[in-house]
């Protein structure tokens, strides 16, 4: 793991906020048959993680700002630093009893992500990276996969449900399959990027409401510190307004951009 005071504090904050999630996840199967289902239960868990994580991070650096999608942005006295958190990314997976969700926290310095932590409390996988210090999964140093062709690669897609995106999603899926890639949709942006960093996925591509900056902030620096490339659909730096993400090693990243340009 990155041995710095910053990452150590971030890891402790994320773990503290996620402490009850495994217990909550175990209860979900018991709620599937109830009249209200687990929706309210999962929503309450998300709010609890958000509250605990917000408090823990602001205790570490009281002057920093903080953004979380479920609450009003906090403007800190230090205008150059901001925490960006996603309490539970992959809520729908958790709702259906699927163990592919995570809590993530990133630190932004002058609009550049400089540190990130992604934690799946069910699997115990903890990904962390700090700018210039590498990326790690628990105690293992990470490197992106070395495959250089889409043929034979495993690509994660992160897309939103809904008819507005259906045509684009189907075109993208068709082009990837024609190129010989196998495609998976994990349903969790932060974990998808973390698995690109750990070479589980060779690349990741997505756009729409599921690709928000609070979901990809931490994962993006983990990919970069593992030797990968991250951009928006046009090959530019990901922006808050443009909900798109493309990630992989240099060759896969370029080929994914080429696929997207055909849509």
Protein backbone atom coordinates (compact mmCIF):
# COMPACT_ATOMS: atom_id res chain seq x y z
CA UNK A 1 0.00 0.00 0.00
CA UNK A 2 1.10 3.59 -0.58
CA UNK A 3 2.94 4.53 2.61
CA UNK A 4 1.93 8.13 3.11
CA UNK A 5 0.04 9.90 5.87
CA UNK A 6 -2.57 11.08 3.35
CA UNK A 7 -3.42 7.62 1.97
CA UNK A 8 -3.36 6.07 5.45
CA UNK A 9 -5.90 8.63 6.66
CA UNK A 10 -8.09 8.20 3.56
CA UNK A 11 -8.06 4.42 3.90
CA UNK A 12 -9.06 4.65 7.57
CA UNK A 13 -11.90 7.05 6.70
CA UNK A 14 -13.26 4.83 3.92
CA UNK A 15 -13.03 1.68 6.04
CA UNK A 16 -14.70 3.38 8.99
CA UNK A 17 -17.62 4.55 6.86
CA UNK A 18 -18.06 1.10 5.27
CA UNK A 19 -17.88 -0.89 8.49
CA UNK A 20 -21.58 -1.77 8.58
CA UNK A 21 -22.01 -2.46 4.87
CA UNK A 22 -21.21 -6.18 5.01
CA UNK A 23 -23.86 -6.62 7.70
CA UNK A 24 -26.33 -4.57 5.64
CA UNK A 25 -25.55 -6.62 2.54
CA UNK A 26 -26.31 -9.79 4.45
CA UNK A 27 -29.77 -8.49 5.32
CA UNK A 28 -30.77 -7.66 1.76
CA UNK A 29 -31.78 -11.19 0.81
CA UNK A 30 -34.22 -11.20 3.73
CA UNK A 31 -35.90 -8.06 2.38
CA UNK A 32 -36.33 -9.13 -1.25
CA UNK A 33 -39.72 -10.70 -0.53
CA UNK A 34 -41.10 -7.86 1.60
CA UNK A 35 -43.68 -5.40 0.26
CA UNK A 36 -41.27 -2.44 0.27
CA UNK A 37 -38.24 -4.45 -0.76
CA UNK A 38 -34.72 -3.35 0.19
CA UNK A 39 -34.84 0.07 -1.56
CA UNK A 40 -35.28 2.12 1.61
CA UNK A 41 -32.78 -0.04 3.47
CA UNK A 42 -30.09 0.46 0.84
CA UNK A 43 -30.82 4.18 0.60
CA UNK A 44 -30.40 4.52 4.36
CA UNK A 45 -27.09 2.63 4.18
CA UNK A 46 -25.87 5.00 1.46
CA UNK A 47 -26.78 8.02 3.59
CA UNK A 48 -25.03 6.56 6.62
CA UNK A 49 -21.83 5.92 4.65
CA UNK A 50 -22.00 9.46 3.26
CA UNK A 51 -22.41 11.00 6.72
CA UNK A 52 -19.58 9.02 8.33
CA UNK A 53 -17.18 9.46 5.41
CA UNK A 54 -17.86 13.19 5.19
CA UNK A 55 -17.17 13.65 8.89
CA UNK A 56 -14.01 11.55 8.81
CA UNK A 57 -12.49 13.34 5.80
CA UNK A 58 -13.30 16.82 7.09
CA UNK A 59 -11.68 15.86 10.38
CA UNK A 60 -8.49 14.96 8.49
CA UNK A 61 -8.38 18.30 6.66
CA UNK A 62 -10.97 20.69 8.16
CA UNK A 63 -10.29 23.43 5.62
CA UNK A 64 -10.87 21.34 2.51
CA UNK A 65 -14.07 21.46 0.50
CA UNK A 66 -16.12 18.33 -0.16
CA UNK A 67 -18.48 17.10 -2.85
CA UNK A 68 -20.87 14.18 -2.50
CA UNK A 69 -23.85 13.62 -4.82
CA UNK A 70 -26.34 13.26 -1.99
CA UNK A 71 -25.72 16.50 -0.16
CA UNK A 72 -24.97 20.16 -0.72
CA UNK A 73 -21.36 20.84 -1.66
CA UNK A 74 -19.16 22.03 1.21
CA UNK A 75 -16.99 25.04 0.45
CA UNK A 76 -13.82 24.88 2.53
CA UNK A 77 -11.56 27.73 3.55
CA UNK A 78 -8.80 26.13 1.43
CA UNK A 79 -10.06 26.80 -2.07
CA UNK A 80 -7.41 24.67 -3.78
CA UNK A 81 -8.37 21.31 -2.23
CA UNK A 82 -11.59 19.31 -2.33
CA UNK A 83 -12.65 15.81 -1.32
CA UNK A 84 -14.82 13.99 -3.88
CA UNK A 85 -16.71 10.99 -2.54
CA UNK A 86 -19.12 8.35 -3.79
CA UNK A 87 -20.66 6.71 -0.70
CA UNK A 88 -21.87 3.58 -2.51
CA UNK A 89 -21.15 3.27 -6.22
CA UNK A 90 -23.12 0.33 -7.63
CA UNK A 91 -26.25 0.85 -5.53
CA UNK A 92 -28.38 -1.17 -7.95
CA UNK A 93 -26.00 -4.12 -7.61
CA UNK A 94 -26.27 -3.94 -3.82
CA UNK A 95 -30.05 -3.62 -4.11
CA UNK A 96 -30.19 -6.93 -6.01
CA UNK A 97 -27.76 -8.74 -3.74
CA UNK A 98 -24.82 -8.57 -6.14
CA UNK A 99 -21.45 -7.95 -4.40
CA UNK A 100 -20.08 -5.47 -6.96
CA UNK A 101 -20.26 -2.09 -5.24
CA UNK A 102 -17.80 0.10 -3.44
CA UNK A 103 -17.09 3.26 -1.49
CA UNK A 104 -14.63 5.70 -3.03
CA UNK A 105 -12.89 8.90 -2.01
CA UNK A 106 -10.60 11.15 -4.05
CA UNK A 107 -8.63 14.29 -3.26
CA UNK A 108 -8.65 17.05 -5.83
CA UNK A 109 -5.91 19.70 -5.78
CA UNK A 110 -6.43 22.69 -8.10
CA UNK A 111 -8.82 20.62 -10.26
CA UNK A 112 -6.39 17.68 -10.54
CA UNK A 113 -7.02 14.37 -8.76
CA UNK A 114 -3.94 13.60 -6.65
CA UNK A 115 -5.10 10.65 -4.52
CA UNK A 116 -7.85 8.05 -4.58
CA UNK A 117 -9.18 5.07 -2.63
CA UNK A 118 -11.75 2.51 -3.85
CA UNK A 119 -12.98 -0.10 -1.37
CA UNK A 120 -15.27 -3.11 -1.86
CA UNK A 121 -16.16 -4.10 1.73
CA UNK A 122 -17.64 -7.45 0.68
CA UNK A 123 -14.52 -8.73 -1.09
CA UNK A 124 -12.06 -6.78 1.04
CA UNK A 125 -10.41 -5.34 -2.07
CA UNK A 126 -8.90 -1.96 -1.30
CA UNK A 127 -7.37 -0.02 -4.19
CA UNK A 128 -5.34 3.11 -3.51
CA UNK A 129 -3.10 5.49 -5.41
CA UNK A 130 -1.33 8.78 -4.86
CA UNK A 131 0.12 10.90 -7.61
CA UNK A 132 3.68 9.84 -8.38
CA UNK A 133 3.62 6.96 -5.85
CA UNK A 134 1.98 4.13 -7.79
CA UNK A 135 -1.26 2.19 -7.40
CA UNK A 136 -1.93 -0.75 -5.10
CA UNK A 137 -4.49 -3.44 -4.40
CA UNK A 138 -4.08 -4.06 -0.69
CA UNK A 139 -0.28 -4.67 -0.56
CA UNK A 140 0.24 -5.55 -4.24
CA UNK A 141 1.63 -3.01 -6.71
CA UNK A 142 -0.59 -2.69 -9.77
CA UNK A 143 0.12 -2.49 -13.49
CA UNK A 144 -2.42 -2.36 -16.29
CA UNK A 145 -2.62 -5.37 -18.61
CA UNK A 146 -0.13 -5.64 -21.47
CA UNK A 147 -2.57 -6.74 -24.19
CA UNK A 148 -2.26 -4.47 -27.22
CA UNK A 149 -5.24 -5.54 -29.34
CA UNK A 150 -8.97 -5.47 -28.72
CA UNK A 151 -9.13 -9.01 -30.12
CA UNK A 152 -8.96 -11.27 -27.09
CA UNK A 153 -9.33 -8.43 -24.60
CA UNK A 154 -11.92 -8.06 -21.84
CA UNK A 155 -13.64 -4.67 -21.83
CA UNK A 156 -15.95 -3.25 -19.19
CA UNK A 157 -18.80 -0.99 -20.27
CA UNK A 158 -20.37 1.56 -17.95
CA UNK A 159 -23.62 2.80 -19.41
CA UNK A 160 -26.95 4.14 -18.23
CA UNK A 161 -30.21 2.29 -18.73
CA UNK A 162 -32.90 3.92 -20.81
CA UNK A 163 -34.03 4.22 -24.39
CA UNK A 164 -32.17 7.52 -24.95
CA UNK A 165 -28.84 5.67 -24.87
CA UNK A 166 -29.97 2.32 -26.28
CA UNK A 167 -28.91 2.90 -29.90
CA UNK A 168 -25.45 4.19 -28.94
CA UNK A 169 -24.92 1.36 -26.47
CA UNK A 170 -25.86 -1.28 -29.03
CA UNK A 171 -23.58 0.24 -31.67
CA UNK A 172 -20.67 0.36 -29.26
CA UNK A 173 -21.29 -3.22 -28.16
CA UNK A 174 -21.47 -4.35 -31.78
CA UNK A 175 -18.20 -2.64 -32.75
CA UNK A 176 -16.38 -4.10 -29.72
CA UNK A 177 -17.61 -7.61 -30.47
CA UNK A 178 -16.70 -7.24 -34.16
CA UNK A 179 -13.19 -6.27 -33.03
CA UNK A 180 -12.95 -9.55 -31.11
CA UNK A 181 -13.34 -8.17 -27.60
CA UNK A 182 -15.35 -9.79 -24.83
CA UNK A 183 -17.60 -7.30 -23.04
CA UNK A 184 -18.84 -7.15 -19.46
CA UNK A 185 -21.02 -4.60 -17.69
CA UNK A 186 -20.10 -4.55 -14.02
CA UNK A 187 -22.57 -1.85 -13.03
CA UNK A 188 -20.02 0.03 -10.95
CA UNK A 189 -17.80 2.69 -12.53
CA UNK A 190 -15.20 2.96 -9.75
CA UNK A 191 -14.68 -0.80 -9.52
CA UNK A 192 -14.50 -1.12 -13.30
CA UNK A 193 -11.62 1.36 -13.37
CA UNK A 194 -9.93 -0.31 -10.40
CA UNK A 195 -10.06 -3.63 -12.25
CA UNK A 196 -8.47 -1.99 -15.30
CA UNK A 197 -5.63 -0.90 -13.01
CA UNK A 198 -5.26 -4.43 -11.64
CA UNK A 199 -5.38 -5.94 -15.19
CA UNK A 200 -8.67 -7.77 -14.62
CA UNK A 201 -10.21 -5.68 -17.38
CA UNK A 202 -8.09 -4.58 -20.34
CA UNK A 203 -10.17 -1.45 -20.77
CA UNK A 204 -13.26 0.42 -19.73
CA UNK A 205 -15.60 2.62 -21.74
CA UNK A 206 -18.84 4.31 -20.84
CA UNK A 207 -21.04 7.36 -20.96
CA UNK A 208 -24.30 8.67 -19.57
CA UNK A 209 -25.74 9.16 -16.10
CA UNK A 210 -23.73 6.26 -14.64
CA UNK A 211 -20.47 8.03 -15.51
CA UNK A 212 -20.26 10.94 -13.08
CA UNK A 213 -17.07 12.57 -11.87
CA UNK A 214 -17.71 11.45 -8.29
CA UNK A 215 -17.81 7.84 -9.53
CA UNK A 216 -14.64 7.97 -11.64
CA UNK A 217 -12.49 10.46 -9.69
CA UNK A 218 -10.75 7.91 -7.44
CA UNK A 219 -10.61 5.20 -10.10
CA UNK A 220 -9.04 7.50 -12.66
CA UNK A 221 -5.88 8.16 -10.65
CA UNK A 222 -5.61 4.47 -9.75
CA UNK A 223 -5.56 3.63 -13.48
CA UNK A 224 -3.02 6.36 -14.24
CA UNK A 225 -0.70 5.34 -11.41
CA UNK A 226 -0.89 1.76 -12.70
CA UNK A 227 0.48 2.97 -16.05
CA UNK A 228 -2.83 3.40 -17.85
CA UNK A 229 -4.57 6.19 -19.74
CA UNK A 230 -7.90 7.81 -18.91
CA UNK A 231 -9.86 10.32 -20.98
CA UNK A 232 -13.31 11.27 -22.12
CA UNK A 233 -14.81 10.00 -25.39
CA UNK A 234 -12.92 12.61 -27.40
CA UNK A 235 -9.53 11.75 -25.90
CA UNK A 236 -9.47 14.88 -23.73
CA UNK A 237 -9.23 15.18 -19.96
CA UNK A 238 -12.44 14.06 -18.28
CA UNK A 239 -14.56 17.05 -17.31
CA UNK A 240 -17.39 17.47 -14.86
CA UNK A 241 -19.78 18.30 -17.68
CA UNK A 242 -18.87 15.47 -20.07
CA UNK A 243 -20.15 12.19 -18.65
CA UNK A 244 -17.87 9.79 -20.50
CA UNK A 245 -14.86 7.66 -19.70
CA UNK A 246 -12.32 5.64 -21.71
CA UNK A 247 -9.50 3.79 -19.95
CA UNK A 248 -6.85 1.17 -20.67
CA UNK A 249 -3.18 0.85 -21.51
CA UNK A 250 -1.94 3.16 -24.26
CA UNK A 251 -2.79 0.83 -27.16
CA UNK A 252 -6.19 -0.32 -25.88
CA UNK A 253 -7.12 3.24 -24.95
CA UNK A 254 -6.42 4.42 -28.50
CA UNK A 255 -8.35 1.53 -30.03
CA UNK A 256 -11.34 2.20 -27.79
CA UNK A 257 -11.32 5.85 -28.85
CA UNK A 258 -11.27 4.68 -32.48
CA UNK A 259 -14.31 2.47 -31.85
CA UNK A 260 -16.22 5.32 -30.22
CA UNK A 261 -15.41 7.69 -33.08
CA UNK A 262 -17.36 5.38 -35.42
CA UNK A 263 -20.62 5.78 -33.48
